[in-house]
Amino acid sequence: MNSNHTIYKGKRLVLSAGTWSKELLAKLGLNLPATRIRKAFAWFKAGEKLSALYYFINCK
């Protein structure tokens, strides 16, 4: 693998590009049989100062 400053060599590579993994591998000629799923993995209770009203508007 080449970066802007260094060339790394190894037997394996871990790709952690998230939702872009399939497209990045396609540029290398590799097919990753995966689909995207967007999901919240954690929720944190926010204090009153961080709370806000929110609206969802569906424009089709």
PDB file of N, CA and C in Angstrom:
ATOM      1  N   MET A   1       0.835  -1.156   0.000  1.00  0.00           N
ATOM      2  CA  MET A   1       0.000   0.000   0.000  1.00  0.00           C
ATOM      3  C   MET A   1       0.888   1.228   0.000  1.00  0.00           C
ATOM      4  N   ASN A   2       0.535   2.205  -0.787  1.00  0.00           N
ATOM      5  CA  ASN A   2       1.274   3.466  -0.827  1.00  0.00           C
ATOM      6  C   ASN A   2       0.463   4.556  -0.148  1.00  0.00           C
ATOM      7  N   SER A   3       1.110   5.316   0.691  1.00  0.00           N
ATOM      8  CA  SER A   3       0.487   6.513   1.253  1.00  0.00           C
ATOM      9  C   SER A   3       1.201   7.713   0.639  1.00  0.00           C
ATOM     10  N   ASN A   4       0.897   8.880   1.100  1.00  0.00           N
ATOM     11  CA  ASN A   4       1.571  10.070   0.581  1.00  0.00           C
ATOM     12  C   ASN A   4       3.057  10.094   0.928  1.00  0.00           C
ATOM     13  N   HIS A   5       3.430   9.367   1.989  1.00  0.00           N
ATOM     14  CA  HIS A   5       4.806   9.464   2.477  1.00  0.00           C
ATOM     15  C   HIS A   5       5.546   8.130   2.545  1.00  0.00           C
ATOM     16  N   THR A   6       4.814   7.018   2.601  1.00  0.00           N
ATOM     17  CA  THR A   6       5.443   5.734   2.885  1.00  0.00           C
ATOM     18  C   THR A   6       4.822   4.622   2.046  1.00  0.00           C
ATOM     19  N   ILE A   7       5.585   3.580   1.787  1.00  0.00           N
ATOM     20  CA  ILE A   7       5.078   2.358   1.173  1.00  0.00           C
ATOM     21  C   ILE A   7       5.047   1.286   2.256  1.00  0.00           C
ATOM     22  N   TYR A   8       3.866   0.683   2.481  1.00  0.00           N
ATOM     23  CA  TYR A   8       3.708  -0.369   3.476  1.00  0.00           C
ATOM     24  C   TYR A   8       3.583  -1.701   2.755  1.00  0.00           C
ATOM     25  N   LYS A   9       4.252  -2.729   3.274  1.00  0.00           N
ATOM     26  CA  LYS A   9       4.164  -4.063   2.694  1.00  0.00           C
ATOM     27  C   LYS A   9       3.664  -5.030   3.749  1.00  0.00           C
ATOM     28  N   GLY A  10       2.814  -5.969   3.333  1.00  0.00           N
ATOM     29  CA  GLY A  10       2.303  -6.971   4.251  1.00  0.00           C
ATOM     30  C   GLY A  10       1.529  -8.035   3.500  1.00  0.00           C
ATOM     31  N   LYS A  11       1.174  -9.098   4.199  1.00  0.00           N
ATOM     32  CA  LYS A  11       0.417 -10.192   3.589  1.00  0.00           C
ATOM     33  C   LYS A  11      -1.078  -9.909   3.575  1.00  0.00           C
ATOM     34  N   ARG A  12      -1.543  -9.058   4.468  1.00  0.00           N
ATOM     35  CA  ARG A  12      -2.977  -8.772   4.577  1.00  0.00           C
ATOM     36  C   ARG A  12      -3.196  -7.287   4.780  1.00  0.00           C
ATOM     37  N   LEU A  13      -4.385  -6.861   4.414  1.00  0.00           N
ATOM     38  CA  LEU A  13      -4.763  -5.459   4.577  1.00  0.00           C
ATOM     39  C   LEU A  13      -6.149  -5.398   5.191  1.00  0.00           C
ATOM     40  N   VAL A  14      -6.330  -4.582   6.191  1.00  0.00           N
ATOM     41  CA  VAL A  14      -7.641  -4.347   6.785  1.00  0.00           C
ATOM     42  C   VAL A  14      -8.150  -3.032   6.231  1.00  0.00           C
ATOM     43  N   LEU A  15      -9.284  -3.091   5.553  1.00  0.00           N
ATOM     44  CA  LEU A  15      -9.902  -1.896   4.995  1.00  0.00           C
ATOM     45  C   LEU A  15     -11.056  -1.495   5.896  1.00  0.00           C
ATOM     46  N   SER A  16     -10.997  -0.318   6.464  1.00  0.00           N
ATOM     47  CA  SER A  16     -12.076   0.149   7.344  1.00  0.00           C
ATOM     48  C   SER A  16     -12.607   1.480   6.822  1.00  0.00           C
ATOM     49  N   ALA A  17     -13.103   1.447   5.594  1.00  0.00           N
ATOM     50  CA  ALA A  17     -13.598   2.662   4.943  1.00  0.00           C
ATOM     51  C   ALA A  17     -15.102   2.822   5.105  1.00  0.00           C
ATOM     52  N   GLY A  18     -15.705   1.969   5.905  1.00  0.00           N
ATOM     53  CA  GLY A  18     -17.134   2.095   6.164  1.00  0.00           C
ATOM     54  C   GLY A  18     -17.961   1.947   4.898  1.00  0.00           C
ATOM     55  N   THR A  19     -18.879   2.860   4.708  1.00  0.00           N
ATOM     56  CA  THR A  19     -19.819   2.777   3.598  1.00  0.00           C
ATOM     57  C   THR A  19     -19.159   2.897   2.228  1.00  0.00           C
ATOM     58  N   TRP A  20     -17.915   3.353   2.192  1.00  0.00           N
ATOM     59  CA  TRP A  20     -17.198   3.509   0.924  1.00  0.00           C
ATOM     60  C   TRP A  20     -16.363   2.279   0.565  1.00  0.00           C
ATOM     61  N   SER A  21     -16.344   1.250   1.388  1.00  0.00           N
ATOM     62  CA  SER A  21     -15.492   0.080   1.158  1.00  0.00           C
ATOM     63  C   SER A  21     -15.741  -0.573  -0.194  1.00  0.00           C
ATOM     64  N   LYS A  22     -17.005  -0.788  -0.537  1.00  0.00           N
ATOM     65  CA  LYS A  22     -17.328  -1.466  -1.794  1.00  0.00           C
ATOM     66  C   LYS A  22     -16.799  -0.688  -2.996  1.00  0.00           C
ATOM     67  N   GLU A  23     -16.989   0.632  -2.999  1.00  0.00           N
ATOM     68  CA  GLU A  23     -16.526   1.458  -4.113  1.00  0.00           C
ATOM     69  C   GLU A  23     -14.999   1.494  -4.195  1.00  0.00           C
ATOM     70  N   LEU A  24     -14.339   1.560  -3.051  1.00  0.00           N
ATOM     71  CA  LEU A  24     -12.876   1.577  -3.058  1.00  0.00           C
ATOM     72  C   LEU A  24     -12.302   0.269  -3.588  1.00  0.00           C
ATOM     73  N   LEU A  25     -12.886  -0.847  -3.174  1.00  0.00           N
ATOM     74  CA  LEU A  25     -12.407  -2.137  -3.660  1.00  0.00           C
ATOM     75  C   LEU A  25     -12.719  -2.326  -5.138  1.00  0.00           C
ATOM     76  N   ALA A  26     -13.836  -1.779  -5.612  1.00  0.00           N
ATOM     77  CA  ALA A  26     -14.182  -1.873  -7.034  1.00  0.00           C
ATOM     78  C   ALA A  26     -13.122  -1.187  -7.896  1.00  0.00           C
ATOM     79  N   LYS A  27     -12.542  -0.104  -7.390  1.00  0.00           N
ATOM     80  CA  LYS A  27     -11.477   0.579  -8.132  1.00  0.00           C
ATOM     81  C   LYS A  27     -10.240  -0.303  -8.282  1.00  0.00           C
ATOM     82  N   LEU A  28     -10.106  -1.294  -7.391  1.00  0.00           N
ATOM     83  CA  LEU A  28      -8.996  -2.245  -7.468  1.00  0.00           C
ATOM     84  C   LEU A  28      -9.389  -3.504  -8.234  1.00  0.00           C
ATOM     85  N   GLY A  29     -10.613  -3.516  -8.761  1.00  0.00           N
ATOM     86  CA  GLY A  29     -11.090  -4.684  -9.495  1.00  0.00           C
ATOM     87  C   GLY A  29     -11.608  -5.793  -8.607  1.00  0.00           C
ATOM     88  N   LEU A  30     -11.911  -5.492  -7.353  1.00  0.00           N
ATOM     89  CA  LEU A  30     -12.408  -6.487  -6.408  1.00  0.00           C
ATOM     90  C   LEU A  30     -13.881  -6.250  -6.135  1.00  0.00           C
ATOM     91  N   ASN A  31     -14.654  -7.337  -6.061  1.00  0.00           N
ATOM     92  CA  ASN A  31     -16.083  -7.232  -5.794  1.00  0.00           C
ATOM     93  C   ASN A  31     -16.363  -7.637  -4.353  1.00  0.00           C
ATOM     94  N   LEU A  32     -16.872  -6.725  -3.571  1.00  0.00           N
ATOM     95  CA  LEU A  32     -17.240  -7.002  -2.186  1.00  0.00           C
ATOM     96  C   LEU A  32     -18.750  -7.201  -2.132  1.00  0.00           C
ATOM     97  N   PRO A  33     -19.222  -8.417  -1.863  1.00  0.00           N
ATOM     98  CA  PRO A  33     -20.667  -8.661  -1.838  1.00  0.00           C
ATOM     99  C   PRO A  33     -21.291  -8.139  -0.543  1.00  0.00           C
ATOM    100  N   ALA A  34     -21.452  -6.844  -0.471  1.00  0.00           N
ATOM    101  CA  ALA A  34     -22.002  -6.225   0.737  1.00  0.00           C
ATOM    102  C   ALA A  34     -22.948  -5.103   0.349  1.00  0.00           C
ATOM    103  N   THR A  35     -23.850  -4.778   1.247  1.00  0.00           N
ATOM    104  CA  THR A  35     -24.757  -3.651   1.046  1.00  0.00           C
ATOM    105  C   THR A  35     -24.617  -2.698   2.219  1.00  0.00           C
ATOM    106  N   ARG A  36     -25.001  -1.457   1.990  1.00  0.00           N
ATOM    107  CA  ARG A  36     -24.896  -0.437   3.040  1.00  0.00           C
ATOM    108  C   ARG A  36     -26.117  -0.481   3.947  1.00  0.00           C
ATOM    109  N   ILE A  37     -25.862  -0.308   5.211  1.00  0.00           N
ATOM    110  CA  ILE A  37     -26.930  -0.152   6.193  1.00  0.00           C
ATOM    111  C   ILE A  37     -26.518   0.977   7.116  1.00  0.00           C
ATOM    112  N   ARG A  38     -27.333   2.007   7.189  1.00  0.00           N
ATOM    113  CA  ARG A  38     -27.043   3.103   8.117  1.00  0.00           C
ATOM    114  C   ARG A  38     -27.827   2.855   9.393  1.00  0.00           C
ATOM    115  N   LYS A  39     -27.133   2.849  10.503  1.00  0.00           N
ATOM    116  CA  LYS A  39     -27.772   2.516  11.765  1.00  0.00           C
ATOM    117  C   LYS A  39     -27.050   3.224  12.903  1.00  0.00           C
ATOM    118  N   ALA A  40     -27.810   3.714  13.852  1.00  0.00           N
ATOM    119  CA  ALA A  40     -27.212   4.308  15.053  1.00  0.00           C
ATOM    120  C   ALA A  40     -26.858   3.163  16.003  1.00  0.00           C
ATOM    121  N   PHE A  41     -25.618   3.114  16.431  1.00  0.00           N
ATOM    122  CA  PHE A  41     -25.174   2.032  17.294  1.00  0.00           C
ATOM    123  C   PHE A  41     -25.223   2.391  18.772  1.00  0.00           C
ATOM    124  N   ALA A  42     -25.311   3.664  19.064  1.00  0.00           N
ATOM    125  CA  ALA A  42     -25.339   4.075  20.465  1.00  0.00           C
ATOM    126  C   ALA A  42     -26.099   5.385  20.602  1.00  0.00           C
ATOM    127  N   TRP A  43     -26.764   5.543  21.697  1.00  0.00           N
ATOM    128  CA  TRP A  43     -27.461   6.786  22.019  1.00  0.00           C
ATOM    129  C   TRP A  43     -26.951   7.266  23.367  1.00  0.00           C
ATOM    130  N   PHE A  44     -26.777   8.548  23.480  1.00  0.00           N
ATOM    131  CA  PHE A  44     -26.319   9.130  24.732  1.00  0.00           C
ATOM    132  C   PHE A  44     -27.332  10.162  25.191  1.00  0.00           C
ATOM    133  N   LYS A  45     -27.612  10.165  26.455  1.00  0.00           N
ATOM    134  CA  LYS A  45     -28.538  11.142  27.002  1.00  0.00           C
ATOM    135  C   LYS A  45     -27.844  12.498  27.029  1.00  0.00           C
ATOM    136  N   ALA A  46     -28.483  13.474  26.412  1.00  0.00           N
ATOM    137  CA  ALA A  46     -27.922  14.828  26.355  1.00  0.00           C
ATOM    138  C   ALA A  46     -28.590  15.693  27.412  1.00  0.00           C
ATOM    139  N   GLY A  47     -27.855  16.635  27.900  1.00  0.00           N
ATOM    140  CA  GLY A  47     -28.416  17.562  28.868  1.00  0.00           C
ATOM    141  C   GLY A  47     -29.408  18.517  28.214  1.00  0.00           C
ATOM    142  N   GLU A  48     -30.125  19.252  28.997  1.00  0.00           N
ATOM    143  CA  GLU A  48     -31.144  20.193  28.510  1.00  0.00           C
ATOM    144  C   GLU A  48     -30.558  21.193  27.520  1.00  0.00           C
ATOM    145  N   LYS A  49     -29.333  21.669  27.745  1.00  0.00           N
ATOM    146  CA  LYS A  49     -28.721  22.667  26.865  1.00  0.00           C
ATOM    147  C   LYS A  49     -28.475  22.120  25.464  1.00  0.00           C
ATOM    148  N   LEU A  50     -28.285  20.818  25.338  1.00  0.00           N
ATOM    149  CA  LEU A  50     -28.000  20.222  24.033  1.00  0.00           C
ATOM    150  C   LEU A  50     -29.254  19.760  23.305  1.00  0.00           C
ATOM    151  N   SER A  51     -30.376  19.779  23.971  1.00  0.00           N
ATOM    152  CA  SER A  51     -31.624  19.350  23.348  1.00  0.00           C
ATOM    153  C   SER A  51     -32.141  20.426  22.408  1.00  0.00           C
ATOM    154  N   ALA A  52     -32.782  19.997  21.337  1.00  0.00           N
ATOM    155  CA  ALA A  52     -33.343  20.940  20.369  1.00  0.00           C
ATOM    156  C   ALA A  52     -34.548  20.301  19.696  1.00  0.00           C
ATOM    157  N   LEU A  53     -35.432  21.140  19.185  1.00  0.00           N
ATOM    158  CA  LEU A  53     -36.551  20.632  18.408  1.00  0.00           C
ATOM    159  C   LEU A  53     -36.035  20.176  17.052  1.00  0.00           C
ATOM    160  N   TYR A  54     -36.607  19.144  16.514  1.00  0.00           N
ATOM    161  CA  TYR A  54     -36.198  18.685  15.188  1.00  0.00           C
ATOM    162  C   TYR A  54     -37.433  18.329  14.378  1.00  0.00           C
ATOM    163  N   TYR A  55     -37.311  18.457  13.082  1.00  0.00           N
ATOM    164  CA  TYR A  55     -38.411  18.201  12.165  1.00  0.00           C
ATOM    165  C   TYR A  55     -37.908  17.345  11.015  1.00  0.00           C
ATOM    166  N   PHE A  56     -38.752  16.449  10.522  1.00  0.00           N
ATOM    167  CA  PHE A  56     -38.449  15.672   9.330  1.00  0.00           C
ATOM    168  C   PHE A  56     -39.394  16.129   8.233  1.00  0.00           C
ATOM    169  N   ILE A  57     -38.847  16.527   7.112  1.00  0.00           N
ATOM    170  CA  ILE A  57     -39.656  16.986   5.993  1.00  0.00           C
ATOM    171  C   ILE A  57     -39.372  16.066   4.817  1.00  0.00           C
ATOM    172  N   ASN A  58     -40.417  15.442   4.306  1.00  0.00           N
ATOM    173  CA  ASN A  58     -40.262  14.532   3.179  1.00  0.00           C
ATOM    174  C   ASN A  58     -40.631  15.272   1.905  1.00  0.00           C
ATOM    175  N   CYS A  59     -39.647  15.595   1.094  1.00  0.00           N
ATOM    176  CA  CYS A  59     -39.870  16.312  -0.166  1.00  0.00           C
ATOM    177  C   CYS A  59     -39.640  15.351  -1.316  1.00  0.00           C
ATOM    178  N   LYS A  60     -40.705  14.966  -1.968  1.00  0.00           N
ATOM    179  CA  LYS A  60     -40.560  14.047  -3.112  1.00  0.00           C
ATOM    180  C   LYS A  60     -40.929  14.743  -4.383  1.00  0.00           C
TER     181      LYS A  60
END
